[in-house]
PDB file of N, CA and C in Angstrom:
ATOM      1  N   MET A   1     -40.410  70.451   4.017  1.00  0.00           N
ATOM      2  CA  MET A   1     -41.436  69.425   3.583  1.00  0.00           C
ATOM      3  C   MET A   1     -41.460  68.825   2.278  1.00  0.00           C
ATOM      4  N   PHE A   2     -41.118  67.721   2.313  1.00  0.00           N
ATOM      5  CA  PHE A   2     -41.323  67.129   0.883  1.00  0.00           C
ATOM      6  C   PHE A   2     -42.400  66.274   0.881  1.00  0.00           C
ATOM      7  N   ILE A   3     -43.299  66.355  -0.039  1.00  0.00           N
ATOM      8  CA  ILE A   3     -44.341  65.954  -0.620  1.00  0.00           C
ATOM      9  C   ILE A   3     -44.189  65.177  -1.755  1.00  0.00           C
ATOM     10  N   GLN A   4     -44.395  63.644  -1.412  1.00  0.00           N
ATOM     11  CA  GLN A   4     -44.138  62.297  -2.189  1.00  0.00           C
ATOM     12  C   GLN A   4     -45.187  62.479  -3.204  1.00  0.00           C
ATOM     13  N   THR A   5     -45.372  61.764  -4.374  1.00  0.00           N
ATOM     14  CA  THR A   5     -46.398  61.866  -5.240  1.00  0.00           C
ATOM     15  C   THR A   5     -46.133  59.979  -5.850  1.00  0.00           C
ATOM     16  N   GLU A   6     -47.402  59.425  -6.212  1.00  0.00           N
ATOM     17  CA  GLU A   6     -47.879  58.512  -6.645  1.00  0.00           C
ATOM     18  C   GLU A   6     -48.818  58.527  -7.547  1.00  0.00           C
ATOM     19  N   ALA A   7     -48.378  57.624  -9.094  1.00  0.00           N
ATOM     20  CA  ALA A   7     -49.225  57.759  -9.864  1.00  0.00           C
ATOM     21  C   ALA A   7     -50.441  56.579  -9.691  1.00  0.00           C
ATOM     22  N   THR A   8     -51.423  56.371 -10.178  1.00  0.00           N
ATOM     23  CA  THR A   8     -52.172  55.560  -9.719  1.00  0.00           C
ATOM     24  C   THR A   8     -53.064  54.994 -10.994  1.00  0.00           C
ATOM     25  N   ALA A   9     -53.628  53.474 -11.119  1.00  0.00           N
ATOM     26  CA  ALA A   9     -54.162  52.891 -12.154  1.00  0.00           C
ATOM     27  C   ALA A   9     -54.743  53.596 -13.003  1.00  0.00           C
ATOM     28  N   ASN A  10     -55.572  54.619 -12.755  1.00  0.00           N
ATOM     29  CA  ASN A  10     -56.663  55.934 -13.173  1.00  0.00           C
ATOM     30  C   ASN A  10     -55.600  57.134 -13.147  1.00  0.00           C
ATOM     31  N   PRO A  11     -55.213  57.550 -14.619  1.00  0.00           N
ATOM     32  CA  PRO A  11     -54.078  58.299 -14.928  1.00  0.00           C
ATOM     33  C   PRO A  11     -55.045  59.718 -14.576  1.00  0.00           C
ATOM     34  N   ASN A  12     -55.905  60.092 -14.064  1.00  0.00           N
ATOM     35  CA  ASN A  12     -56.836  61.276 -13.748  1.00  0.00           C
ATOM     36  C   ASN A  12     -56.537  61.114 -12.102  1.00  0.00           C
ATOM     37  N   ILE A  13     -55.905  60.287 -11.557  1.00  0.00           N
ATOM     38  CA  ILE A  13     -55.575  60.530 -10.020  1.00  0.00           C
ATOM     39  C   ILE A  13     -54.257  60.202  -9.857  1.00  0.00           C
ATOM     40  N   ILE A  14     -54.021  61.383  -9.137  1.00  0.00           N
ATOM     41  CA  ILE A  14     -52.522  61.166  -8.110  1.00  0.00           C
ATOM     42  C   ILE A  14     -52.539  61.260  -6.261  1.00  0.00           C
ATOM     43  N   LYS A  15     -52.175  60.585  -5.926  1.00  0.00           N
ATOM     44  CA  LYS A  15     -51.934  60.530  -4.316  1.00  0.00           C
ATOM     45  C   LYS A  15     -50.631  61.364  -4.193  1.00  0.00           C
ATOM     46  N   PHE A  16     -50.771  62.119  -2.842  1.00  0.00           N
ATOM     47  CA  PHE A  16     -49.917  63.445  -2.665  1.00  0.00           C
ATOM     48  C   PHE A  16     -49.718  62.326  -1.153  1.00  0.00           C
ATOM     49  N   PHE A  17     -48.686  62.505  -0.552  1.00  0.00           N
ATOM     50  CA  PHE A  17     -47.974  61.970   0.413  1.00  0.00           C
ATOM     51  C   PHE A  17     -47.252  62.949   1.280  1.00  0.00           C
ATOM     52  N   PRO A  18     -48.352  63.950   2.134  1.00  0.00           N
ATOM     53  CA  PRO A  18     -47.011  65.025   2.876  1.00  0.00           C
ATOM     54  C   PRO A  18     -45.852  64.369   3.707  1.00  0.00           C
ATOM     55  N   GLY A  19     -46.067  63.159   4.455  1.00  0.00           N
ATOM     56  CA  GLY A  19     -45.010  62.918   4.866  1.00  0.00           C
ATOM     57  C   GLY A  19     -45.570  63.213   6.802  1.00  0.00           C
ATOM     58  N   GLU A  20     -46.750  63.758   6.895  1.00  0.00           N
ATOM     59  CA  GLU A  20     -47.342  63.613   7.768  1.00  0.00           C
ATOM     60  C   GLU A  20     -48.900  63.241   8.193  1.00  0.00           C
ATOM     61  N   PRO A  21     -49.422  63.172   9.392  1.00  0.00           N
ATOM     62  CA  PRO A  21     -50.755  62.383   9.252  1.00  0.00           C
ATOM     63  C   PRO A  21     -51.827  63.228   8.196  1.00  0.00           C
ATOM     64  N   VAL A  22     -52.738  62.677   7.469  1.00  0.00           N
ATOM     65  CA  VAL A  22     -53.295  63.390   6.896  1.00  0.00           C
ATOM     66  C   VAL A  22     -55.024  63.448   7.893  1.00  0.00           C
ATOM     67  N   LEU A  23     -55.367  61.778   8.200  1.00  0.00           N
ATOM     68  CA  LEU A  23     -56.756  61.902   8.828  1.00  0.00           C
ATOM     69  C   LEU A  23     -56.174  60.608   9.834  1.00  0.00           C
ATOM     70  N   GLU A  24     -56.577  61.014  10.917  1.00  0.00           N
ATOM     71  CA  GLU A  24     -56.543  59.868  12.290  1.00  0.00           C
ATOM     72  C   GLU A  24     -57.273  58.733  11.631  1.00  0.00           C
ATOM     73  N   SER A  25     -58.162  58.465  11.689  1.00  0.00           N
ATOM     74  CA  SER A  25     -58.674  57.421  11.056  1.00  0.00           C
ATOM     75  C   SER A  25     -59.792  57.409   9.679  1.00  0.00           C
ATOM     76  N   GLY A  26     -60.024  56.330   9.040  1.00  0.00           N
ATOM     77  CA  GLY A  26     -60.907  56.193   8.163  1.00  0.00           C
ATOM     78  C   GLY A  26     -60.148  57.023   6.902  1.00  0.00           C
ATOM     79  N   GLU A  27     -61.447  57.393   6.128  1.00  0.00           N
ATOM     80  CA  GLU A  27     -61.154  58.202   4.427  1.00  0.00           C
ATOM     81  C   GLU A  27     -62.350  59.451   4.710  1.00  0.00           C
ATOM     82  N   ASP A  28     -61.824  60.255   3.665  1.00  0.00           N
ATOM     83  CA  ASP A  28     -63.389  61.294   3.263  1.00  0.00           C
ATOM     84  C   ASP A  28     -63.023  61.763   2.197  1.00  0.00           C
ATOM     85  N   SER A  29     -64.125  62.255   1.295  1.00  0.00           N
ATOM     86  CA  SER A  29     -63.794  62.677   0.299  1.00  0.00           C
ATOM     87  C   SER A  29     -64.800  63.520  -0.220  1.00  0.00           C
ATOM     88  N   PHE A  30     -64.421  64.801  -1.012  1.00  0.00           N
ATOM     89  CA  PHE A  30     -65.108  65.807  -1.642  1.00  0.00           C
ATOM     90  C   PHE A  30     -65.370  66.145  -3.043  1.00  0.00           C
ATOM     91  N   SER A  31     -66.460  66.280  -3.478  1.00  0.00           N
ATOM     92  CA  SER A  31     -66.738  65.784  -5.008  1.00  0.00           C
ATOM     93  C   SER A  31     -67.216  67.468  -5.555  1.00  0.00           C
ATOM     94  N   ASP A  32     -67.978  68.285  -4.616  1.00  0.00           N
ATOM     95  CA  ASP A  32     -68.116  69.384  -4.778  1.00  0.00           C
ATOM     96  C   ASP A  32     -67.943  70.656  -4.168  1.00  0.00           C
ATOM     97  N   PRO A  33     -67.196  71.353  -4.819  1.00  0.00           N
ATOM     98  CA  PRO A  33     -66.624  72.682  -4.191  1.00  0.00           C
ATOM     99  C   PRO A  33     -67.345  73.590  -3.020  1.00  0.00           C
ATOM    100  N   ASP A  34     -68.806  73.469  -3.312  1.00  0.00           N
ATOM    101  CA  ASP A  34     -69.500  74.230  -2.774  1.00  0.00           C
ATOM    102  C   ASP A  34     -69.634  73.541  -0.880  1.00  0.00           C
ATOM    103  N   GLU A  35     -69.166  72.215  -0.832  1.00  0.00           N
ATOM    104  CA  GLU A  35     -69.798  71.632   0.239  1.00  0.00           C
ATOM    105  C   GLU A  35     -68.216  71.144   0.862  1.00  0.00           C
ATOM    106  N   THR A  36     -67.277  72.035   1.134  1.00  0.00           N
ATOM    107  CA  THR A  36     -66.250  72.048   1.662  1.00  0.00           C
ATOM    108  C   THR A  36     -65.756  73.117   3.067  1.00  0.00           C
ATOM    109  N   ALA A  37     -66.988  73.625   3.612  1.00  0.00           N
ATOM    110  CA  ALA A  37     -66.492  73.920   4.267  1.00  0.00           C
ATOM    111  C   ALA A  37     -66.259  73.638   5.943  1.00  0.00           C
ATOM    112  N   ARG A  38     -66.304  72.226   5.599  1.00  0.00           N
ATOM    113  CA  ARG A  38     -65.675  71.452   6.920  1.00  0.00           C
ATOM    114  C   ARG A  38     -63.929  71.183   6.689  1.00  0.00           C
ATOM    115  N   SER A  39     -63.516  71.441   5.276  1.00  0.00           N
ATOM    116  CA  SER A  39     -62.080  70.940   5.294  1.00  0.00           C
ATOM    117  C   SER A  39     -61.645  72.115   4.284  1.00  0.00           C
ATOM    118  N   PRO A  40     -60.703  72.637   5.139  1.00  0.00           N
ATOM    119  CA  PRO A  40     -60.105  73.610   4.650  1.00  0.00           C
ATOM    120  C   PRO A  40     -58.975  73.642   3.727  1.00  0.00           C
ATOM    121  N   LEU A  41     -58.807  72.353   3.862  1.00  0.00           N
ATOM    122  CA  LEU A  41     -57.269  71.984   2.731  1.00  0.00           C
ATOM    123  C   LEU A  41     -58.535  71.600   1.553  1.00  0.00           C
ATOM    124  N   ALA A  42     -59.214  70.986   1.411  1.00  0.00           N
ATOM    125  CA  ALA A  42     -60.067  70.478   0.154  1.00  0.00           C
ATOM    126  C   ALA A  42     -60.522  71.798  -0.353  1.00  0.00           C
ATOM    127  N   GLU A  43     -61.309  72.890   0.294  1.00  0.00           N
ATOM    128  CA  GLU A  43     -61.473  74.221  -0.179  1.00  0.00           C
ATOM    129  C   GLU A  43     -60.405  74.812  -1.114  1.00  0.00           C
ATOM    130  N   ARG A  44     -59.124  74.697  -0.182  1.00  0.00           N
ATOM    131  CA  ARG A  44     -57.676  75.421  -0.968  1.00  0.00           C
ATOM    132  C   ARG A  44     -57.499  74.795  -2.065  1.00  0.00           C
ATOM    133  N   LEU A  45     -57.705  73.167  -2.234  1.00  0.00           N
ATOM    134  CA  LEU A  45     -57.391  72.738  -3.512  1.00  0.00           C
ATOM    135  C   LEU A  45     -58.450  72.738  -4.743  1.00  0.00           C
ATOM    136  N   PHE A  46     -59.570  72.786  -4.396  1.00  0.00           N
ATOM    137  CA  PHE A  46     -60.402  73.035  -5.440  1.00  0.00           C
ATOM    138  C   PHE A  46     -60.147  74.266  -5.859  1.00  0.00           C
ATOM    139  N   ALA A  47     -59.936  75.116  -5.430  1.00  0.00           N
ATOM    140  CA  ALA A  47     -59.313  76.970  -6.016  1.00  0.00           C
ATOM    141  C   ALA A  47     -58.384  76.890  -6.698  1.00  0.00           C
ATOM    142  N   VAL A  48     -57.348  75.295  -6.835  1.00  0.00           N
ATOM    143  CA  VAL A  48     -56.410  75.189  -7.827  1.00  0.00           C
ATOM    144  C   VAL A  48     -57.174  75.361  -9.456  1.00  0.00           C
ATOM    145  N   GLY A  49     -58.541  74.766  -9.050  1.00  0.00           N
ATOM    146  CA  GLY A  49     -59.408  74.480 -10.665  1.00  0.00           C
ATOM    147  C   GLY A  49     -58.833  73.360 -11.337  1.00  0.00           C
ATOM    148  N   SER A  50     -59.781  72.909 -11.999  1.00  0.00           N
ATOM    149  CA  SER A  50     -59.836  71.624 -13.106  1.00  0.00           C
ATOM    150  C   SER A  50     -59.694  70.545 -11.836  1.00  0.00           C
ATOM    151  N   ILE A  51     -60.337  70.627 -10.503  1.00  0.00           N
ATOM    152  CA  ILE A  51     -60.324  69.133  -9.846  1.00  0.00           C
ATOM    153  C   ILE A  51     -62.024  68.375  -9.703  1.00  0.00           C
ATOM    154  N   GLN A  52     -61.978  67.394  -9.908  1.00  0.00           N
ATOM    155  CA  GLN A  52     -63.344  66.538  -9.762  1.00  0.00           C
ATOM    156  C   GLN A  52     -63.276  65.901  -8.528  1.00  0.00           C
ATOM    157  N   LYS A  53     -62.322  65.741  -7.854  1.00  0.00           N
ATOM    158  CA  LYS A  53     -62.874  64.609  -6.671  1.00  0.00           C
ATOM    159  C   LYS A  53     -61.081  65.073  -5.515  1.00  0.00           C
ATOM    160  N   ILE A  54     -61.647  65.362  -4.317  1.00  0.00           N
ATOM    161  CA  ILE A  54     -60.119  65.058  -3.520  1.00  0.00           C
ATOM    162  C   ILE A  54     -60.767  64.235  -2.554  1.00  0.00           C
ATOM    163  N   SER A  55     -59.880  63.258  -2.052  1.00  0.00           N
ATOM    164  CA  SER A  55     -60.053  61.968  -0.876  1.00  0.00           C
ATOM    165  C   SER A  55     -58.923  62.083  -0.231  1.00  0.00           C
ATOM    166  N   PHE A  56     -59.279  61.923   1.369  1.00  0.00           N
ATOM    167  CA  PHE A  56     -58.229  62.203   2.519  1.00  0.00           C
ATOM    168  C   PHE A  56     -57.991  60.731   2.606  1.00  0.00           C
ATOM    169  N   GLY A  57     -57.020  60.065   2.972  1.00  0.00           N
ATOM    170  CA  GLY A  57     -56.940  58.709   3.906  1.00  0.00           C
ATOM    171  C   GLY A  57     -55.747  59.354   5.056  1.00  0.00           C
ATOM    172  N   SER A  58     -55.296  58.456   5.809  1.00  0.00           N
ATOM    173  CA  SER A  58     -54.221  58.270   6.675  1.00  0.00           C
ATOM    174  C   SER A  58     -52.968  59.232   6.649  1.00  0.00           C
ATOM    175  N   ASP A  59     -52.562  58.947   5.515  1.00  0.00           N
ATOM    176  CA  ASP A  59     -51.499  58.955   5.082  1.00  0.00           C
ATOM    177  C   ASP A  59     -51.471  60.028   3.862  1.00  0.00           C
ATOM    178  N   PHE A  60     -52.538  60.297   2.744  1.00  0.00           N
ATOM    179  CA  PHE A  60     -51.961  60.997   1.609  1.00  0.00           C
ATOM    180  C   PHE A  60     -53.598  61.337   1.123  1.00  0.00           C
ATOM    181  N   VAL A  61     -53.381  62.600   0.303  1.00  0.00           N
ATOM    182  CA  VAL A  61     -54.255  63.192  -0.437  1.00  0.00           C
ATOM    183  C   VAL A  61     -53.911  62.921  -1.693  1.00  0.00           C
ATOM    184  N   ALA A  62     -55.770  61.966  -2.376  1.00  0.00           N
ATOM    185  CA  ALA A  62     -55.657  62.072  -3.785  1.00  0.00           C
ATOM    186  C   ALA A  62     -56.545  62.819  -4.430  1.00  0.00           C
ATOM    187  N   VAL A  63     -55.877  63.495  -5.269  1.00  0.00           N
ATOM    188  CA  VAL A  63     -56.489  64.153  -6.128  1.00  0.00           C
ATOM    189  C   VAL A  63     -56.891  63.858  -7.851  1.00  0.00           C
ATOM    190  N   GLU A  64     -58.459  63.683  -7.769  1.00  0.00           N
ATOM    191  CA  GLU A  64     -58.614  63.532  -8.892  1.00  0.00           C
ATOM    192  C   GLU A  64     -59.324  64.588 -10.122  1.00  0.00           C
ATOM    193  N   LYS A  65     -58.108  65.254 -11.674  1.00  0.00           N
ATOM    194  CA  LYS A  65     -58.251  66.287 -11.911  1.00  0.00           C
ATOM    195  C   LYS A  65     -59.571  66.066 -13.078  1.00  0.00           C
ATOM    196  N   LYS A  66     -60.064  66.957 -13.689  1.00  0.00           N
ATOM    197  CA  LYS A  66     -60.912  66.360 -15.089  1.00  0.00           C
ATOM    198  C   LYS A  66     -60.232  65.956 -16.101  1.00  0.00           C
ATOM    199  N   GLU A  67     -60.961  65.324 -16.786  1.00  0.00           N
ATOM    200  CA  GLU A  67     -60.496  64.555 -17.983  1.00  0.00           C
ATOM    201  C   GLU A  67     -59.477  65.258 -19.210  1.00  0.00           C
ATOM    202  N   ALA A  68     -59.610  66.828 -19.272  1.00  0.00           N
ATOM    203  CA  ALA A  68     -59.272  67.804 -20.064  1.00  0.00           C
ATOM    204  C   ALA A  68     -57.771  68.094 -19.167  1.00  0.00           C
ATOM    205  N   ALA A  69     -57.586  68.394 -17.840  1.00  0.00           N
ATOM    206  CA  ALA A  69     -56.777  69.163 -17.423  1.00  0.00           C
ATOM    207  C   ALA A  69     -55.235  68.414 -17.538  1.00  0.00           C
ATOM    208  N   ASP A  70     -54.269  69.129 -17.312  1.00  0.00           N
ATOM    209  CA  ASP A  70     -53.055  68.717 -17.914  1.00  0.00           C
ATOM    210  C   ASP A  70     -52.393  68.848 -16.446  1.00  0.00           C
ATOM    211  N   TRP A  71     -51.918  67.670 -15.654  1.00  0.00           N
ATOM    212  CA  TRP A  71     -50.880  67.349 -14.691  1.00  0.00           C
ATOM    213  C   TRP A  71     -49.715  68.542 -14.305  1.00  0.00           C
ATOM    214  N   GLN A  72     -48.957  68.624 -15.675  1.00  0.00           N
ATOM    215  CA  GLN A  72     -47.907  69.483 -15.624  1.00  0.00           C
ATOM    216  C   GLN A  72     -48.055  70.988 -15.308  1.00  0.00           C
ATOM    217  N   LEU A  73     -49.472  71.222 -15.415  1.00  0.00           N
ATOM    218  CA  LEU A  73     -49.874  72.653 -14.641  1.00  0.00           C
ATOM    219  C   LEU A  73     -50.332  72.581 -13.487  1.00  0.00           C
ATOM    220  N   MET A  74     -50.654  71.563 -13.009  1.00  0.00           N
ATOM    221  CA  MET A  74     -51.531  71.797 -11.880  1.00  0.00           C
ATOM    222  C   MET A  74     -50.811  70.834 -10.999  1.00  0.00           C
ATOM    223  N   LYS A  75     -49.711  70.053 -11.088  1.00  0.00           N
ATOM    224  CA  LYS A  75     -48.754  69.808  -9.684  1.00  0.00           C
ATOM    225  C   LYS A  75     -48.710  70.521  -9.420  1.00  0.00           C
ATOM    226  N   PRO A  76     -48.036  71.465  -9.669  1.00  0.00           N
ATOM    227  CA  PRO A  76     -47.081  72.984  -8.738  1.00  0.00           C
ATOM    228  C   PRO A  76     -47.906  73.245  -8.078  1.00  0.00           C
ATOM    229  N   ALA A  77     -49.064  73.581  -8.662  1.00  0.00           N
ATOM    230  CA  ALA A  77     -50.014  74.228  -7.719  1.00  0.00           C
ATOM    231  C   ALA A  77     -50.794  73.750  -6.521  1.00  0.00           C
ATOM    232  N   ILE A  78     -50.987  72.382  -6.567  1.00  0.00           N
ATOM    233  CA  ILE A  78     -51.524  71.109  -5.824  1.00  0.00           C
ATOM    234  C   ILE A  78     -50.532  71.058  -4.705  1.00  0.00           C
ATOM    235  N   LEU A  79     -49.432  70.927  -4.882  1.00  0.00           N
ATOM    236  CA  LEU A  79     -48.228  70.754  -4.157  1.00  0.00           C
ATOM    237  C   LEU A  79     -47.967  71.974  -3.173  1.00  0.00           C
ATOM    238  N   GLY A  80     -48.073  72.997  -3.641  1.00  0.00           N
ATOM    239  CA  GLY A  80     -47.779  74.451  -3.156  1.00  0.00           C
ATOM    240  C   GLY A  80     -49.182  74.270  -1.851  1.00  0.00           C
ATOM    241  N   ALA A  81     -50.409  74.358  -1.962  1.00  0.00           N
ATOM    242  CA  ALA A  81     -51.566  73.912  -1.482  1.00  0.00           C
ATOM    243  C   ALA A  81     -51.313  73.963  -0.251  1.00  0.00           C
ATOM    244  N   ILE A  82     -50.937  72.120  -0.689  1.00  0.00           N
ATOM    245  CA  ILE A  82     -50.911  71.701   0.692  1.00  0.00           C
ATOM    246  C   ILE A  82     -49.614  71.806   1.846  1.00  0.00           C
ATOM    247  N   MET A  83     -48.655  72.200   1.072  1.00  0.00           N
ATOM    248  CA  MET A  83     -47.834  72.802   2.032  1.00  0.00           C
ATOM    249  C   MET A  83     -48.123  73.968   2.541  1.00  0.00           C
ATOM    250  N   GLU A  84     -48.442  74.946   2.114  1.00  0.00           N
ATOM    251  CA  GLU A  84     -49.126  76.308   2.651  1.00  0.00           C
ATOM    252  C   GLU A  84     -49.958  75.698   4.200  1.00  0.00           C
ATOM    253  N   HIS A  85     -50.943  74.832   3.431  1.00  0.00           N
ATOM    254  CA  HIS A  85     -52.094  74.307   4.337  1.00  0.00           C
ATOM    255  C   HIS A  85     -51.299  73.895   5.408  1.00  0.00           C
ATOM    256  N   TYR A  86     -50.104  72.904   5.424  1.00  0.00           N
ATOM    257  CA  TYR A  86     -49.366  71.974   6.446  1.00  0.00           C
ATOM    258  C   TYR A  86     -48.444  73.108   7.327  1.00  0.00           C
ATOM    259  N   VAL A  87     -47.996  74.288   6.955  1.00  0.00           N
ATOM    260  CA  VAL A  87     -47.457  75.467   7.280  1.00  0.00           C
ATOM    261  C   VAL A  87     -47.973  76.114   8.191  1.00  0.00           C
ATOM    262  N   ALA A  88     -49.446  76.582   7.976  1.00  0.00           N
ATOM    263  CA  ALA A  88     -50.400  77.036   8.516  1.00  0.00           C
ATOM    264  C   ALA A  88     -50.847  76.506   9.884  1.00  0.00           C
ATOM    265  N   GLY A  89     -51.005  75.446   9.643  1.00  0.00           N
ATOM    266  CA  GLY A  89     -50.999  74.673  11.192  1.00  0.00           C
ATOM    267  C   GLY A  89     -52.674  74.459  11.107  1.00  0.00           C
ATOM    268  N   ILE A  90     -53.646  74.708  10.289  1.00  0.00           N
ATOM    269  CA  ILE A  90     -54.790  74.411  10.220  1.00  0.00           C
ATOM    270  C   ILE A  90     -55.010  72.520   9.850  1.00  0.00           C
ATOM    271  N   PRO A  91     -56.235  72.662  10.458  1.00  0.00           N
ATOM    272  CA  PRO A  91     -56.809  70.965  10.579  1.00  0.00           C
ATOM    273  C   PRO A  91     -57.319  70.473   9.143  1.00  0.00           C
ATOM    274  N   ILE A  92     -57.244  69.495   8.987  1.00  0.00           N
ATOM    275  CA  ILE A  92     -57.589  69.122   7.245  1.00  0.00           C
ATOM    276  C   ILE A  92     -59.417  68.964   7.394  1.00  0.00           C
ATOM    277  N   ILE A  93     -59.820  68.399   8.155  1.00  0.00           N
ATOM    278  CA  ILE A  93     -60.832  68.284   8.718  1.00  0.00           C
ATOM    279  C   ILE A  93     -61.637  68.964  10.328  1.00  0.00           C
ATOM    280  N   ILE A  94     -62.482  69.969   9.927  1.00  0.00           N
ATOM    281  CA  ILE A  94     -62.911  70.540  11.160  1.00  0.00           C
ATOM    282  C   ILE A  94     -64.296  70.198  11.599  1.00  0.00           C
ATOM    283  N   GLU A  95     -64.138  69.270  12.379  1.00  0.00           N
ATOM    284  CA  GLU A  95     -65.205  68.030  13.228  1.00  0.00           C
ATOM    285  C   GLU A  95     -66.715  68.930  13.711  1.00  0.00           C
ATOM    286  N   ASP A  96     -66.449  69.809  14.057  1.00  0.00           N
ATOM    287  CA  ASP A  96     -67.727  70.817  14.407  1.00  0.00           C
ATOM    288  C   ASP A  96     -68.174  71.901  13.279  1.00  0.00           C
ATOM    289  N   VAL A  97     -68.428  71.783  12.204  1.00  0.00           N
ATOM    290  CA  VAL A  97     -68.879  72.536  11.400  1.00  0.00           C
ATOM    291  C   VAL A  97     -69.703  71.455  10.496  1.00  0.00           C
ATOM    292  N   PRO A  98     -71.150  71.737  10.736  1.00  0.00           N
ATOM    293  CA  PRO A  98     -72.217  71.124  10.191  1.00  0.00           C
ATOM    294  C   PRO A  98     -72.307  70.997   9.004  1.00  0.00           C
ATOM    295  N   SER A  99     -72.540  69.754   8.267  1.00  0.00           N
ATOM    296  CA  SER A  99     -72.130  69.085   6.883  1.00  0.00           C
ATOM    297  C   SER A  99     -73.248  70.388   5.529  1.00  0.00           C
ATOM    298  N   SER A 100     -74.390  70.793   6.622  1.00  0.00           N
ATOM    299  CA  SER A 100     -75.113  71.579   5.846  1.00  0.00           C
ATOM    300  C   SER A 100     -74.960  73.105   6.245  1.00  0.00           C
ATOM    301  N   ALA A 101     -74.049  73.237   6.330  1.00  0.00           N
ATOM    302  CA  ALA A 101     -73.114  75.105   6.663  1.00  0.00           C
ATOM    303  C   ALA A 101     -73.400  75.675   5.320  1.00  0.00           C
ATOM    304  N   ALA A 102     -72.916  75.428   4.249  1.00  0.00           N
ATOM    305  CA  ALA A 102     -73.221  75.418   3.056  1.00  0.00           C
ATOM    306  C   ALA A 102     -74.734  76.165   2.431  1.00  0.00           C
ATOM    307  N   ALA A 103     -75.284  74.696   3.159  1.00  0.00           N
ATOM    308  CA  ALA A 103     -77.095  75.185   2.782  1.00  0.00           C
ATOM    309  C   ALA A 103     -77.652  76.347   3.563  1.00  0.00           C
ATOM    310  N   SER A 104     -77.160  76.555   4.483  1.00  0.00           N
ATOM    311  CA  SER A 104     -77.912  77.582   5.425  1.00  0.00           C
ATOM    312  C   SER A 104     -77.957  78.999   5.208  1.00  0.00           C
ATOM    313  N   GLY A 105     -78.405  79.440   4.273  1.00  0.00           N
ATOM    314  CA  GLY A 105     -77.968  81.228   4.068  1.00  0.00           C
ATOM    315  C   GLY A 105     -79.149  81.757   3.461  1.00  0.00           C
TER     316      GLY A 105
END
């Protein structure tokens, strides 16, 4: 799998294009690592650390890093997380997980 990257107008955001569909339609985003129960990929990406927001589109994963973080250190881990996720064959979004799953404890 070859994942292309694209810089954006915001230097803290990079788009990752896995060459495979990400979402069937629309967009989805996550700003809180504690609210990723319905997205195994978002959960895996937040585990990289120094990530502020993750957005999914039809063909991309956009990652926004925290201001002080360094892309040179983060990009290999993000690329690895995306690749591992696709190789595992796990869905990006699990539709039947309630959005309040993290709060019901």
